[in-house]
N, C-alpha and C. Protein backbone atom coordinates (compact mmCIF):
# COMPACT_ATOMS: atom_id res chain seq x y z
N MET A 1 48.08 95.29 151.19
CA MET A 1 49.25 95.98 151.18
C MET A 1 50.28 95.95 149.99
N GLU A 2 50.58 94.71 149.47
CA GLU A 2 51.37 94.61 148.06
C GLU A 2 50.90 95.57 146.94
N THR A 3 49.35 95.68 146.81
CA THR A 3 48.85 96.70 145.85
C THR A 3 49.20 97.87 146.23
N GLN A 4 49.17 98.59 147.22
CA GLN A 4 49.62 99.72 147.62
C GLN A 4 51.01 99.87 147.22
N GLN A 5 51.94 98.82 147.62
CA GLN A 5 53.27 99.68 147.46
C GLN A 5 53.32 99.05 145.76
N ALA A 6 52.94 98.55 145.13
CA ALA A 6 52.91 98.37 143.69
C ALA A 6 52.33 99.67 143.06
N GLU A 7 51.20 100.22 143.59
CA GLU A 7 50.89 101.35 143.14
C GLU A 7 51.92 102.56 143.32
N ALA A 8 52.43 102.49 144.39
CA ALA A 8 53.33 103.55 145.05
C ALA A 8 54.52 103.74 144.04
N LYS A 9 54.92 102.58 143.31
CA LYS A 9 56.32 102.65 142.14
C LYS A 9 55.77 103.31 140.95
N GLU A 10 54.49 103.48 140.54
CA GLU A 10 54.09 103.80 139.35
C GLU A 10 54.31 105.13 139.13
N GLU A 11 54.58 105.65 137.81
CA GLU A 11 54.93 107.05 137.79
C GLU A 11 54.40 107.38 136.84
N LEU A 12 54.05 108.98 136.60
CA LEU A 12 53.67 109.63 135.19
C LEU A 12 54.74 109.63 134.36
N LEU A 13 54.36 108.96 133.27
CA LEU A 13 55.36 108.96 132.08
C LEU A 13 55.33 109.96 130.99
N LEU A 14 53.87 110.05 130.78
CA LEU A 14 53.34 111.02 129.79
C LEU A 14 52.22 111.84 130.06
N GLU A 15 52.21 112.92 129.78
CA GLU A 15 50.79 113.80 129.57
C GLU A 15 50.71 114.21 127.95
N LEU A 16 49.54 113.90 127.53
CA LEU A 16 49.21 113.87 126.24
C LEU A 16 47.76 115.11 125.91
N LYS A 17 48.08 115.81 125.15
CA LYS A 17 46.71 116.66 124.51
C LYS A 17 46.55 116.38 122.94
N GLY A 18 45.35 115.93 122.42
CA GLY A 18 45.25 115.64 121.27
C GLY A 18 43.92 116.20 120.78
N ARG A 19 43.53 116.47 119.55
CA ARG A 19 42.50 116.66 118.86
C ARG A 19 41.98 115.66 117.91
N ASN A 20 40.90 115.48 117.73
CA ASN A 20 40.83 114.69 116.64
C ASN A 20 40.56 115.53 115.24
N THR A 21 41.18 114.84 114.23
CA THR A 21 41.15 115.58 112.97
C THR A 21 39.84 115.17 111.83
N THR A 22 39.47 113.91 112.07
CA THR A 22 38.59 113.42 111.24
C THR A 22 37.64 112.41 112.09
N ARG A 23 36.49 112.13 111.84
CA ARG A 23 35.56 111.17 112.37
C ARG A 23 35.04 110.46 111.39
N THR A 24 35.07 109.12 111.36
CA THR A 24 34.31 108.26 110.33
C THR A 24 33.23 107.26 111.16
N ILE A 25 31.77 107.42 110.65
CA ILE A 25 31.00 106.19 111.15
C ILE A 25 31.23 105.09 110.39
N LYS A 26 31.49 103.83 111.06
CA LYS A 26 32.03 102.60 110.21
C LYS A 26 30.72 101.89 110.06
N ASP A 27 29.80 102.03 111.18
CA ASP A 27 28.54 100.54 110.97
C ASP A 27 27.61 101.22 112.33
N PHE A 28 26.70 100.87 112.08
CA PHE A 28 25.29 100.74 113.02
C PHE A 28 24.86 99.26 113.31
N SER A 29 24.45 98.51 114.69
CA SER A 29 24.28 97.56 114.77
C SER A 29 23.41 97.51 116.06
N PRO A 30 22.89 96.42 116.79
CA PRO A 30 22.56 96.49 117.95
C PRO A 30 23.24 96.82 119.01
N GLU A 31 24.75 96.47 118.77
CA GLU A 31 25.72 96.43 119.61
C GLU A 31 26.00 97.79 119.97
N GLY A 32 25.86 98.47 118.90
CA GLY A 32 26.11 100.20 119.07
C GLY A 32 26.72 100.76 117.91
N ILE A 33 27.17 101.85 117.87
CA ILE A 33 27.81 102.50 116.93
C ILE A 33 29.47 102.27 116.67
N ARG A 34 29.98 102.06 115.43
CA ARG A 34 31.21 101.79 115.34
C ARG A 34 31.68 102.82 114.86
N LEU A 35 32.77 103.56 115.32
CA LEU A 35 33.69 104.74 114.62
C LEU A 35 34.99 104.68 114.49
N GLU A 36 35.53 105.37 113.85
CA GLU A 36 36.94 105.29 114.01
C GLU A 36 37.38 107.31 113.61
N ASN A 37 38.10 107.58 114.63
CA ASN A 37 38.63 108.51 114.59
C ASN A 37 40.15 108.81 114.74
N ASN A 38 40.38 109.85 113.84
CA ASN A 38 42.10 110.32 113.39
C ASN A 38 42.21 111.20 114.42
N LEU A 39 43.50 111.37 115.31
CA LEU A 39 43.60 112.47 116.17
C LEU A 39 45.28 112.71 115.87
N GLU A 40 45.69 113.91 116.43
CA GLU A 40 47.14 114.47 116.42
C GLU A 40 47.09 115.33 117.71
N GLY A 41 48.29 115.37 118.15
CA GLY A 41 48.79 116.10 119.40
C GLY A 41 50.22 115.90 119.89
N GLU A 42 50.32 116.34 121.12
CA GLU A 42 51.69 116.42 121.62
C GLU A 42 51.73 115.77 122.98
N SER A 43 52.78 114.83 123.02
CA SER A 43 53.19 113.74 124.21
C SER A 43 54.28 114.60 125.06
N LYS A 44 54.09 114.69 126.31
CA LYS A 44 55.39 115.43 127.19
C LYS A 44 55.36 114.46 128.38
N GLY A 45 56.75 114.44 128.53
CA GLY A 45 57.14 113.56 129.67
C GLY A 45 58.63 113.02 129.68
N VAL A 46 58.76 111.72 129.53
CA VAL A 46 60.07 111.16 129.60
C VAL A 46 60.50 111.37 128.05
N TYR A 47 59.68 111.61 127.39
CA TYR A 47 60.04 112.19 126.06
C TYR A 47 58.98 112.99 125.60
N ASN A 48 59.48 113.96 124.56
CA ASN A 48 58.62 115.05 124.03
C ASN A 48 58.19 114.68 122.58
N ALA A 49 57.21 114.46 121.97
CA ALA A 49 56.91 114.26 120.65
C ALA A 49 55.50 114.86 120.28
N SER A 50 55.45 114.75 118.96
CA SER A 50 54.19 115.23 118.36
C SER A 50 53.60 113.83 117.98
N PHE A 51 52.43 113.58 117.73
CA PHE A 51 51.71 112.25 117.56
C PHE A 51 50.52 112.49 116.80
N TYR A 52 50.20 111.37 116.09
CA TYR A 52 48.92 111.11 115.39
C TYR A 52 48.68 109.82 115.50
N GLY A 53 47.36 109.73 115.47
CA GLY A 53 46.84 108.04 115.83
C GLY A 53 45.25 107.75 115.12
N THR A 54 45.00 106.66 115.38
CA THR A 54 43.54 106.33 115.11
C THR A 54 42.91 105.71 116.15
N ILE A 55 41.81 105.93 116.39
CA ILE A 55 40.78 105.31 117.37
C ILE A 55 40.00 104.70 116.84
N THR A 56 39.84 103.29 117.06
CA THR A 56 38.70 102.55 116.66
C THR A 56 37.93 102.08 118.03
N LEU A 57 36.47 102.33 117.57
CA LEU A 57 35.70 102.40 119.20
C LEU A 57 34.36 102.03 118.50
N LEU A 58 33.80 101.19 119.67
CA LEU A 58 32.51 100.86 119.57
C LEU A 58 31.41 101.70 120.86
N SER A 59 30.56 102.70 120.28
CA SER A 59 29.72 103.26 121.26
C SER A 59 28.51 102.34 121.34
N LYS A 60 28.43 101.96 122.88
CA LYS A 60 27.20 101.24 122.96
C LYS A 60 26.12 101.89 123.54
N PRO A 61 24.91 101.30 123.43
CA PRO A 61 23.47 101.76 124.25
C PRO A 61 23.98 101.86 125.56
N ASP A 62 24.70 101.28 126.49
CA ASP A 62 24.79 101.54 127.67
C ASP A 62 25.27 102.75 128.36
N ARG A 63 25.64 103.54 127.22
CA ARG A 63 26.67 104.77 127.34
C ARG A 63 28.02 104.49 128.01
N THR A 64 28.63 103.36 127.35
CA THR A 64 30.08 102.79 127.71
C THR A 64 30.32 102.61 126.24
N ILE A 65 32.07 102.59 125.97
CA ILE A 65 32.63 102.67 124.88
C ILE A 65 33.61 101.67 124.97
N ASP A 66 33.95 100.97 124.02
CA ASP A 66 35.06 99.94 123.86
C ASP A 66 35.99 100.64 122.93
N TYR A 67 37.37 100.82 123.22
CA TYR A 67 38.09 101.74 122.29
C TYR A 67 39.70 100.86 122.12
N GLU A 68 40.25 101.19 121.27
CA GLU A 68 41.67 100.71 120.86
C GLU A 68 42.13 101.79 119.91
N VAL A 69 43.50 102.10 120.51
CA VAL A 69 44.15 103.40 119.72
C VAL A 69 45.64 102.98 119.24
N ARG A 70 45.88 103.20 118.08
CA ARG A 70 47.28 103.07 117.64
C ARG A 70 47.75 104.50 117.17
N GLN A 71 48.86 104.69 117.80
CA GLN A 71 49.56 105.79 117.86
C GLN A 71 51.12 105.69 117.32
N ILE A 72 51.37 106.99 116.39
CA ILE A 72 52.91 106.92 116.28
C ILE A 72 53.39 108.32 116.75
N ASP A 73 54.16 108.44 117.98
CA ASP A 73 54.95 109.59 118.33
C ASP A 73 56.21 109.75 117.75
N THR A 74 56.67 110.93 117.68
CA THR A 74 57.69 111.28 116.71
C THR A 74 58.40 112.26 117.52
N THR A 75 59.92 112.04 117.87
CA THR A 75 60.38 113.08 118.71
C THR A 75 61.06 114.09 117.84
N SER A 76 61.60 115.16 118.43
CA SER A 76 62.47 116.12 117.57
C SER A 76 63.79 115.58 117.20
N ASP A 77 64.24 114.32 117.86
CA ASP A 77 65.55 113.59 117.67
C ASP A 77 65.42 112.77 116.60
N GLY A 78 63.85 112.55 116.25
CA GLY A 78 63.84 111.64 115.26
C GLY A 78 63.40 110.38 115.56
N ASP A 79 63.49 109.95 116.90
CA ASP A 79 62.85 108.69 117.65
C ASP A 79 61.52 108.40 117.25
N THR A 80 61.13 107.48 116.91
CA THR A 80 59.51 107.01 116.71
C THR A 80 59.17 105.81 117.82
N ILE A 81 58.27 106.11 118.27
CA ILE A 81 57.53 105.21 119.48
C ILE A 81 56.02 104.93 119.05
N LEU A 82 55.70 103.73 118.86
CA LEU A 82 54.45 103.35 118.73
C LEU A 82 53.88 102.88 119.94
N VAL A 83 52.55 103.48 120.23
CA VAL A 83 51.90 103.57 121.45
C VAL A 83 50.53 102.45 120.98
N TYR A 84 50.00 101.86 121.92
CA TYR A 84 48.78 101.00 121.72
C TYR A 84 48.16 101.21 122.82
N TYR A 85 46.71 101.51 122.62
CA TYR A 85 45.93 101.70 124.15
C TYR A 85 44.80 100.63 123.79
N LYS A 86 44.47 100.11 125.13
CA LYS A 86 42.80 99.44 124.66
C LYS A 86 42.29 99.83 125.95
N GLY A 87 40.91 100.11 125.78
CA GLY A 87 40.37 100.33 127.04
C GLY A 87 38.77 100.53 127.06
N LYS A 88 38.22 101.30 128.16
CA LYS A 88 36.82 101.50 128.27
C LYS A 88 36.82 102.93 128.44
N SER A 89 35.65 103.52 127.88
CA SER A 89 35.26 104.96 128.40
C SER A 89 33.79 104.96 128.75
N ILE A 90 33.65 105.93 129.63
CA ILE A 90 32.11 106.23 130.17
C ILE A 90 31.54 107.60 129.49
N ILE A 91 30.42 107.87 128.84
CA ILE A 91 29.93 109.01 128.59
C ILE A 91 29.36 109.48 129.79
N ASP A 92 29.84 110.46 130.25
CA ASP A 92 29.20 111.11 131.50
C ASP A 92 28.08 112.29 131.26
N SER A 93 28.45 112.87 129.80
CA SER A 93 27.44 114.08 129.46
C SER A 93 27.56 113.92 128.02
N THR A 94 26.90 115.03 127.58
CA THR A 94 27.36 115.43 125.98
C THR A 94 28.78 116.04 125.77
N THR A 95 29.22 116.71 126.92
CA THR A 95 30.62 117.24 126.67
C THR A 95 31.79 116.61 127.46
N HIS A 96 31.51 115.54 128.03
CA HIS A 96 32.62 114.88 128.98
C HIS A 96 32.52 113.39 128.85
N ASN A 97 33.68 112.59 128.38
CA ASN A 97 33.59 111.22 128.63
C ASN A 97 35.06 111.06 129.38
N HIS A 98 35.19 110.28 130.29
CA HIS A 98 36.34 109.69 130.51
C HIS A 98 36.65 108.29 130.61
N PHE A 99 38.07 108.15 130.40
CA PHE A 99 38.26 106.73 130.11
C PHE A 99 39.67 106.18 130.62
N VAL A 100 39.76 104.78 130.81
CA VAL A 100 40.90 103.97 131.46
C VAL A 100 41.34 103.03 130.57
N GLY A 101 42.58 102.39 130.75
CA GLY A 101 42.99 101.43 129.54
C GLY A 101 44.36 101.13 130.08
N GLN A 102 44.76 100.27 128.92
CA GLN A 102 46.31 99.51 129.32
C GLN A 102 46.90 100.11 128.14
N THR A 103 48.33 100.18 128.01
CA THR A 103 49.46 100.98 127.26
C THR A 103 50.43 99.97 126.92
N THR A 104 50.80 99.85 125.76
CA THR A 104 52.36 99.55 125.44
C THR A 104 53.06 100.17 124.44
N PHE A 105 54.22 99.82 124.78
CA PHE A 105 55.04 100.67 123.61
C PHE A 105 56.04 100.03 122.89
N GLN A 106 56.23 100.35 121.52
CA GLN A 106 57.36 99.71 120.81
C GLN A 106 58.30 100.79 120.10
N THR A 107 59.66 100.72 120.40
CA THR A 107 60.74 101.67 119.54
C THR A 107 61.63 100.68 119.52
N GLN A 108 62.45 101.42 118.33
CA GLN A 108 63.66 100.77 118.12
C GLN A 108 64.85 101.79 118.62
N SER A 109 64.51 102.72 119.46
CA SER A 109 65.35 104.16 119.89
C SER A 109 66.22 103.25 120.88
N LYS A 110 67.65 103.33 121.00
CA LYS A 110 68.26 102.85 122.04
C LYS A 110 68.08 103.45 123.35
N LYS A 111 67.86 104.96 123.43
CA LYS A 111 67.73 105.62 124.73
C LYS A 111 66.17 105.63 125.25
N LEU A 112 65.48 105.00 124.56
CA LEU A 112 64.03 104.98 124.82
C LEU A 112 63.56 103.44 124.86
N ALA A 113 64.63 102.46 124.74
CA ALA A 113 64.26 100.88 124.56
C ALA A 113 63.55 100.37 125.75
N TRP A 114 64.07 101.13 126.88
CA TRP A 114 63.27 100.72 128.35
C TRP A 114 61.69 100.60 128.27
N LEU A 115 61.17 101.71 127.28
CA LEU A 115 59.60 101.52 127.16
C LEU A 115 59.18 100.24 126.61
N ASN A 116 59.89 99.50 126.02
CA ASN A 116 59.48 98.31 125.35
C ASN A 116 58.96 97.37 126.43
N ALA A 117 59.47 97.52 127.59
CA ALA A 117 59.18 96.70 128.53
C ALA A 117 57.84 96.93 129.44
N ILE A 118 57.15 97.99 129.52
CA ILE A 118 56.36 98.85 130.25
C ILE A 118 55.05 98.51 129.62
N LYS A 119 54.22 97.98 130.61
CA LYS A 119 53.04 97.60 130.51
C LYS A 119 51.93 98.90 131.35
N GLY A 120 51.82 99.87 130.51
CA GLY A 120 51.55 101.29 131.19
C GLY A 120 49.71 101.14 131.36
N ARG A 121 49.47 102.13 132.05
CA ARG A 121 47.97 102.54 132.45
C ARG A 121 47.73 103.90 131.62
N VAL A 122 46.46 104.08 130.99
CA VAL A 122 45.99 105.14 130.56
C VAL A 122 44.88 105.70 131.08
N GLU A 123 44.74 107.19 131.62
CA GLU A 123 43.43 107.65 132.07
C GLU A 123 43.34 108.87 131.15
N GLY A 124 41.93 109.20 131.17
CA GLY A 124 41.86 110.69 130.59
C GLY A 124 40.57 111.09 130.20
N GLU A 125 40.27 112.47 129.68
CA GLU A 125 39.16 112.82 129.53
C GLU A 125 39.07 113.18 128.01
N TYR A 126 37.69 113.57 127.49
CA TYR A 126 37.58 113.54 126.13
C TYR A 126 36.15 114.32 126.22
N ASN A 127 36.39 115.36 125.18
CA ASN A 127 35.17 116.06 124.96
C ASN A 127 34.77 116.19 123.53
N PRO A 128 33.58 115.09 123.58
CA PRO A 128 33.49 114.90 122.01
C PRO A 128 32.83 115.81 121.08
N VAL A 129 32.34 117.09 121.73
CA VAL A 129 31.64 118.00 120.86
C VAL A 129 32.89 118.84 120.24
N ILE A 130 33.73 118.95 120.88
CA ILE A 130 35.13 119.57 120.05
C ILE A 130 36.11 118.77 119.95
N GLY A 131 35.94 117.59 120.09
CA GLY A 131 37.13 116.52 119.69
C GLY A 131 38.52 116.59 120.29
N GLN A 132 38.40 117.11 121.59
CA GLN A 132 39.78 117.20 122.44
C GLN A 132 39.89 116.13 123.57
N ASN A 133 41.16 115.80 123.53
CA ASN A 133 41.42 114.65 124.54
C ASN A 133 42.64 115.23 125.41
N THR A 134 42.55 115.04 126.39
CA THR A 134 43.69 114.96 127.41
C THR A 134 43.71 113.72 128.31
N PHE A 135 45.02 113.39 128.10
CA PHE A 135 45.26 111.97 128.93
C PHE A 135 46.65 111.66 129.43
N ARG A 136 46.85 110.90 130.25
CA ARG A 136 48.24 110.48 131.21
C ARG A 136 48.41 109.08 130.91
N ILE A 137 49.74 108.75 131.01
CA ILE A 137 49.94 107.18 130.93
C ILE A 137 51.06 107.29 132.03
N TYR A 138 50.69 106.10 132.82
CA TYR A 138 51.41 105.92 133.68
C TYR A 138 51.98 104.68 133.99
N GLY A 139 53.19 104.40 134.54
CA GLY A 139 53.77 102.91 134.23
C GLY A 139 55.14 102.94 135.41
N LYS A 140 55.56 101.41 135.19
CA LYS A 140 56.76 101.17 136.19
C LYS A 140 57.69 100.83 135.32
N ARG A 141 58.74 101.40 136.05
CA ARG A 141 60.13 101.07 135.05
C ARG A 141 60.52 99.76 135.48
């Protein structure tokens, strides 16, 4: 019952659309393939911003991916929000992955300072063929 109540208070904070701009193969090993992708796109929701970021990932032989993302969002007002994601992705097919993870924010903006206390949840989809990401961040204020 408590879990359902906690989930009920969670709200959609941001919807993001991004596209990979570069992809770099870092290493091959029995663990998998280490890659680094850069992406850019738009964040819409509790603030609207353009963003760019770097995804560091390990694509494993079992068709799962461990990832970390460091992203910089910049609003039209000039506010900067640093967003960090860490999670797992599942390779569903050659054109579709889905992913989940945890998110934190850092900002010095006074009007967005409440984001600093958010431990969010991210979920989304990725098309590796065209390098397109669509994802959502949920959190509790």
